Amino acid sequence: MNRTPRVADAHQPREGGVHRAAVDVAVGVLVRPDGQFLLTSRPPGKVYAGYWEFPGGKLEAGETVEQALRRELHEELGISIASAVPWRQELMDYPHALVRLHFCKVLDWTGALQMREGQSFAWQGLPVQVTPILPGTVPVLEWFARERGFTDATYSVAN
């Protein structure tokens, strides 16, 4: 894991100060056999509403990353995952929280996508066609770009 956090909106003050504890978040990178990956928009009323991200959510007390991801993907999207393969971690410093993102690749799931929180979804490839992209999503797009030998811009982040 990158020990130095990526900083989003560096010009804004940090809630809780510099030494705040990190919040652990399980993130599902759903990838279809054709290589397309799922992005969802952040629901109205949440921080960064309308920004596009990989789905997931906070770990609850006592949960593993996979347990949290199973719960979150069922609650948010109405799907059940076969397995979540731990992939990478990234520390993200947002103005509202310091977030430790646990990215897992999800290659097999059942159920039709249901946007249960009023969000939108889009299957994407590189370069992504939806904007704005949540800063915590950018590392995954960069990793995909390196894995796939992609050299053009992979995203657009609105500030």
Protein backbone atom coordinates (compact mmCIF):
# COMPACT_ATOMS: atom_id res chain seq x y z
CA MET A 1 0.00 0.00 0.00
CA ASN A 2 1.13 3.52 -0.71
CA ARG A 3 1.89 5.00 2.73
CA THR A 4 1.80 8.57 1.45
CA PRO A 5 -1.81 9.50 0.83
CA ARG A 6 -2.98 10.96 -2.44
CA VAL A 7 -4.54 14.31 -1.67
CA ALA A 8 -7.87 15.44 -3.09
CA ASP A 9 -8.83 19.10 -3.08
CA ALA A 10 -5.62 20.11 -1.31
CA HIS A 11 -6.76 23.72 -1.03
CA GLN A 12 -9.59 22.75 1.37
CA PRO A 13 -9.16 22.29 5.14
CA ARG A 14 -9.08 18.75 6.55
CA GLU A 15 -11.93 17.81 8.93
CA GLY A 16 -10.40 16.33 12.08
CA GLY A 17 -6.98 17.79 11.39
CA VAL A 18 -3.79 16.26 10.07
CA HIS A 19 -3.62 13.27 12.45
CA ARG A 20 -7.09 11.82 11.92
CA ALA A 21 -7.64 8.08 11.80
CA ALA A 22 -8.16 6.38 8.44
CA VAL A 23 -11.56 4.94 7.55
CA ASP A 24 -11.36 1.51 5.88
CA VAL A 25 -13.44 1.10 2.72
CA ALA A 26 -13.96 -2.05 0.63
CA VAL A 27 -14.13 -1.28 -3.10
CA GLY A 28 -15.35 -3.66 -5.79
CA VAL A 29 -13.77 -3.43 -9.22
CA LEU A 30 -16.29 -5.44 -11.23
CA VAL A 31 -14.76 -6.54 -14.52
CA ARG A 32 -16.67 -8.27 -17.31
CA PRO A 33 -15.01 -10.87 -19.59
CA ASP A 34 -14.72 -8.19 -22.32
CA GLY A 35 -12.59 -6.05 -19.98
CA GLN A 36 -15.24 -3.40 -19.32
CA PHE A 37 -15.48 -2.30 -15.69
CA LEU A 38 -18.39 -0.91 -13.69
CA LEU A 39 -18.47 2.68 -12.44
CA THR A 40 -21.34 4.08 -10.40
CA SER A 41 -22.19 7.67 -9.55
CA ARG A 42 -22.20 8.81 -5.95
CA PRO A 43 -25.79 9.23 -4.77
CA PRO A 44 -27.44 12.59 -4.10
CA GLY A 45 -26.84 13.84 -0.57
CA LYS A 46 -23.41 12.20 -0.18
CA VAL A 47 -20.04 13.93 -0.29
CA TYR A 48 -18.93 14.26 -3.92
CA ALA A 49 -22.49 13.51 -5.14
CA GLY A 50 -22.53 12.81 -8.88
CA TYR A 51 -18.85 11.84 -9.08
CA TRP A 52 -18.11 8.45 -10.66
CA GLU A 53 -16.43 5.72 -8.63
CA PHE A 54 -16.09 1.99 -8.14
CA PRO A 55 -18.85 0.72 -5.81
CA GLY A 56 -18.27 -0.27 -2.20
CA GLY A 57 -18.42 1.14 1.29
CA LYS A 58 -17.09 1.35 4.82
CA LEU A 59 -16.18 -1.71 6.82
CA GLU A 60 -18.37 -2.22 9.86
CA ALA A 61 -16.91 -3.36 13.20
CA GLY A 62 -15.59 -6.90 12.95
CA GLU A 63 -16.02 -7.21 9.16
CA THR A 64 -13.33 -8.37 6.79
CA VAL A 65 -12.88 -6.53 3.51
CA GLU A 66 -14.63 -9.32 1.61
CA GLN A 67 -17.56 -9.41 4.06
CA ALA A 68 -18.00 -5.65 3.77
CA LEU A 69 -17.81 -5.80 0.00
CA ARG A 70 -20.41 -8.57 -0.18
CA ARG A 71 -22.75 -6.56 2.05
CA GLU A 72 -22.20 -3.25 0.27
CA LEU A 73 -22.61 -4.64 -3.26
CA HIS A 74 -25.83 -6.36 -2.25
CA GLU A 75 -27.17 -3.24 -0.49
CA GLU A 76 -26.17 -0.80 -3.26
CA LEU A 77 -26.43 -2.87 -6.43
CA GLY A 78 -28.56 -5.91 -5.58
CA ILE A 79 -25.90 -8.41 -6.66
CA SER A 80 -24.17 -11.32 -4.95
CA ILE A 81 -20.49 -11.83 -5.62
CA ALA A 82 -18.81 -15.22 -5.99
CA SER A 83 -15.48 -13.95 -4.66
CA ALA A 84 -13.48 -10.80 -4.20
CA VAL A 85 -9.80 -11.01 -5.09
CA PRO A 86 -7.74 -8.54 -3.00
CA TRP A 87 -5.86 -6.37 -5.46
CA ARG A 88 -4.33 -3.19 -4.06
CA GLN A 89 -4.70 -0.60 -1.33
CA GLU A 90 -4.49 3.16 -1.58
CA LEU A 91 -4.62 5.84 1.09
CA MET A 92 -6.71 8.84 0.00
CA ASP A 93 -6.79 12.16 1.86
CA TYR A 94 -10.12 13.87 1.24
CA PRO A 95 -11.16 17.07 3.04
CA HIS A 96 -13.93 15.14 4.86
CA ALA A 97 -11.96 11.96 5.71
CA LEU A 98 -8.73 10.02 5.41
CA VAL A 99 -9.76 6.84 3.58
CA ARG A 100 -7.90 3.54 3.20
CA LEU A 101 -9.31 2.00 0.02
CA HIS A 102 -9.11 -1.80 -0.23
CA PHE A 103 -9.59 -2.52 -3.94
CA CYS A 104 -10.76 -6.02 -4.86
CA LYS A 105 -11.32 -7.40 -8.34
CA VAL A 106 -14.71 -9.04 -8.76
CA LEU A 107 -14.97 -11.23 -11.84
CA ASP A 108 -18.07 -13.28 -11.04
CA TRP A 109 -21.42 -12.21 -9.61
CA THR A 110 -25.11 -13.04 -9.87
CA GLY A 111 -28.16 -10.83 -10.08
CA ALA A 112 -29.17 -7.91 -12.25
CA LEU A 113 -27.80 -4.49 -11.34
CA GLN A 114 -30.29 -2.44 -9.33
CA MET A 115 -29.27 1.08 -8.38
CA ARG A 116 -30.77 1.01 -4.88
CA GLU A 117 -29.41 4.40 -3.75
CA GLY A 118 -30.50 6.52 -6.70
CA GLN A 119 -27.12 6.32 -8.37
CA SER A 120 -26.36 5.70 -12.04
CA PHE A 121 -24.05 3.08 -13.53
CA ALA A 122 -21.92 2.77 -16.64
CA TRP A 123 -19.78 -0.03 -18.03
CA GLN A 124 -16.56 1.62 -19.11
CA GLY A 125 -13.26 0.97 -20.83
CA LEU A 126 -10.24 3.23 -21.24
CA PRO A 127 -10.51 6.10 -21.68
CA VAL A 128 -13.56 6.44 -19.47
CA GLN A 129 -16.43 8.44 -20.92
CA VAL A 130 -18.11 9.59 -17.70
CA THR A 131 -17.15 12.64 -15.65
CA PRO A 132 -16.31 13.82 -13.11
CA ILE A 133 -14.25 10.97 -11.68
CA LEU A 134 -13.83 10.70 -7.91
CA PRO A 135 -10.14 11.20 -7.04
CA GLY A 136 -10.01 7.82 -5.24
CA THR A 137 -10.96 6.14 -8.52
CA VAL A 138 -8.00 7.56 -10.41
CA PRO A 139 -5.39 5.07 -9.10
CA VAL A 140 -7.42 2.13 -10.45
CA LEU A 141 -7.66 3.76 -13.87
CA GLU A 142 -3.90 4.27 -13.81
CA TRP A 143 -3.33 0.62 -12.83
CA PHE A 144 -5.65 -0.54 -15.63
CA ALA A 145 -3.81 1.72 -18.07
CA ARG A 146 -0.43 0.21 -17.12
CA GLU A 147 -1.79 -3.36 -17.24
CA ARG A 148 -3.34 -2.76 -20.65
CA GLY A 149 -0.52 -0.70 -22.17
CA PHE A 150 -2.79 2.33 -22.56
CA THR A 151 -1.03 5.65 -23.11
CA ASP A 152 -3.81 8.23 -23.67
CA ALA A 153 -5.63 10.12 -20.92
CA THR A 154 -7.71 7.65 -18.95
CA TYR A 155 -9.96 10.03 -17.03
CA SER A 156 -10.99 13.58 -16.34
CA VAL A 157 -11.16 14.87 -12.77
CA ALA A 158 -13.27 17.98 -12.15
CA ASN A 159 -12.20 20.22 -9.28
